[in-house]
Protein backbone atom coordinates (compact mmCIF):
# COMPACT_ATOMS: atom_id res chain seq x y z
CA MET A 1 28.89 22.17 65.39
CA GLU A 2 30.00 23.41 68.86
CA PRO A 3 33.48 25.39 69.59
CA HIS A 4 33.59 22.73 72.53
CA GLY A 5 33.23 19.54 70.01
CA HIS A 6 35.07 21.30 67.67
CA HIS A 7 38.00 21.50 70.16
CA ALA A 8 37.75 17.98 71.24
CA LYS A 9 37.23 16.51 68.24
CA ALA A 10 40.90 17.85 66.73
CA ARG A 11 42.34 16.50 69.68
CA ARG A 12 41.03 13.21 69.52
CA LEU A 13 42.39 13.14 65.87
CA GLU A 14 45.77 14.70 67.28
CA ARG A 15 45.93 11.82 69.28
CA SER A 16 45.47 9.02 67.57
CA VAL A 17 48.08 10.45 64.88
CA GLU A 18 50.75 10.65 67.48
CA LYS A 19 50.54 6.43 67.80
CA LEU A 20 51.29 6.65 63.93
CA LYS A 21 55.29 6.05 62.72
CA ALA A 22 55.86 8.55 60.12
CA GLU A 23 57.22 6.76 57.07
CA ALA A 24 54.46 3.66 57.69
CA ASP A 25 51.56 4.96 58.33
CA PHE A 26 52.21 8.62 56.11
CA GLU A 27 48.62 8.26 54.74
CA MET A 28 47.02 8.33 57.47
CA ILE A 29 48.75 10.68 59.42
CA ILE A 30 48.48 13.25 56.65
CA GLU A 31 44.69 12.75 56.45
CA GLY A 32 44.63 13.34 60.69
CA CYS A 33 46.68 16.44 60.35
CA TYR A 34 44.59 17.83 57.91
CA ALA A 35 40.86 16.44 59.62
CA ALA A 36 42.43 18.01 62.68
CA SER A 37 43.50 21.22 61.16
CA VAL A 38 39.57 21.39 60.03
CA GLN A 39 38.53 21.25 63.44
CA TYR A 40 40.80 23.54 64.79
CA ILE A 41 40.21 26.39 62.08
CA ALA A 42 36.23 25.80 62.84
CA LEU A 43 37.77 26.81 66.53
CA ILE A 44 39.52 29.63 65.21
CA CYS A 45 37.15 31.23 62.99
CA ASP A 46 34.31 30.90 65.99
CA ARG A 47 37.03 33.01 67.92
CA ARG A 48 37.82 35.19 65.90
CA ARG A 49 34.63 35.75 63.37
CA ARG A 50 31.85 34.26 65.31
CA ARG A 51 31.33 32.23 62.68
CA HIS A 52 33.05 29.34 60.33
CA LEU A 53 32.57 26.52 58.12
CA ASP A 54 32.11 22.81 58.97
CA THR A 55 33.69 21.40 56.16
CA HIS A 56 36.75 21.56 54.20
CA LYS A 57 35.25 22.15 50.65
CA GLY A 58 35.48 25.43 50.15
CA LEU A 59 37.58 26.71 53.38
CA THR A 60 40.38 28.62 51.58
CA LYS A 61 38.17 30.88 50.10
CA PHE A 62 36.00 31.16 53.41
CA LEU A 63 39.27 32.27 55.16
CA ASP A 64 40.06 34.35 52.39
CA GLU A 65 36.44 35.82 52.64
CA ALA A 66 36.73 36.14 56.56
CA ASP A 67 40.03 37.94 56.00
CA LEU A 68 42.07 35.25 57.81
CA PRO A 69 44.67 35.12 55.35
CA ASP A 70 47.30 33.65 58.18
CA LEU A 71 44.53 30.72 58.30
CA ALA A 72 43.70 30.32 54.69
CA ALA A 73 47.71 30.28 53.60
CA SER A 74 48.44 27.36 55.66
CA PHE A 75 45.16 25.78 55.34
CA ARG A 76 46.29 25.84 51.72
CA GLU A 77 49.97 24.35 52.46
CA LEU A 78 48.50 21.61 54.25
CA GLU A 79 46.25 20.94 50.84
CA LEU A 80 48.86 21.32 48.44
CA LEU A 81 50.81 18.40 50.40
CA ARG A 82 47.39 16.43 50.81
CA THR A 83 47.63 16.36 47.59
CA SER A 84 50.44 16.12 45.75
CA ARG A 85 51.75 13.91 48.59
CA TYR A 86 49.84 11.86 49.79
CA TYR A 87 47.75 11.04 46.36
CA GLY A 88 51.28 11.11 44.40
CA GLY A 89 52.94 8.43 47.25
CA GLN A 90 55.62 9.89 48.93
CA THR A 91 57.20 6.91 51.35
CA ASN A 92 59.78 8.24 53.15
CA GLY A 93 57.94 10.10 56.22
CA LYS A 94 58.84 13.48 54.96
CA ALA A 95 55.39 14.43 54.00
CA ALA A 96 53.88 12.81 57.38
CA LYS A 97 56.68 15.29 59.46
CA GLU A 98 55.65 18.36 56.96
CA ALA A 99 51.76 17.65 58.01
CA LYS A 100 52.60 17.49 61.94
CA ARG A 101 54.05 21.44 61.31
CA ILE A 102 51.02 22.78 59.68
CA LEU A 103 48.83 21.37 62.34
CA ALA A 104 50.95 22.47 65.04
CA GLU A 105 51.48 26.01 63.14
CA ILE A 106 47.32 26.48 62.76
CA LYS A 107 47.25 25.68 66.68
CA THR A 108 49.25 28.26 67.46
CA LYS A 109 46.98 30.83 66.05
CA LEU A 110 44.12 29.48 68.78
CA HIS A 111 45.35 32.09 71.23
């Protein structure tokens, strides 16, 4: 996918996430933030390194090898949140809010 495609997809995913409620829809918020972050990271990688990975599998390793530790750390944090909270079933909305925070952090790296 071309960079503009990643950006458009990330924005669509984010708009969908914003329609959801933290407590009632926490699983979908976390998954949506995760998916949007993959798209934003692809865009950032294209801008910084002129290459990206089109999948989440192996993404942290790719980011480490591309010398992008800031993105690797943020994505690692989101992956941990996704597996520990999403699959662990924290239903109070805190995990959803944290996923949004991490996504916002990744977006700051666009510039």
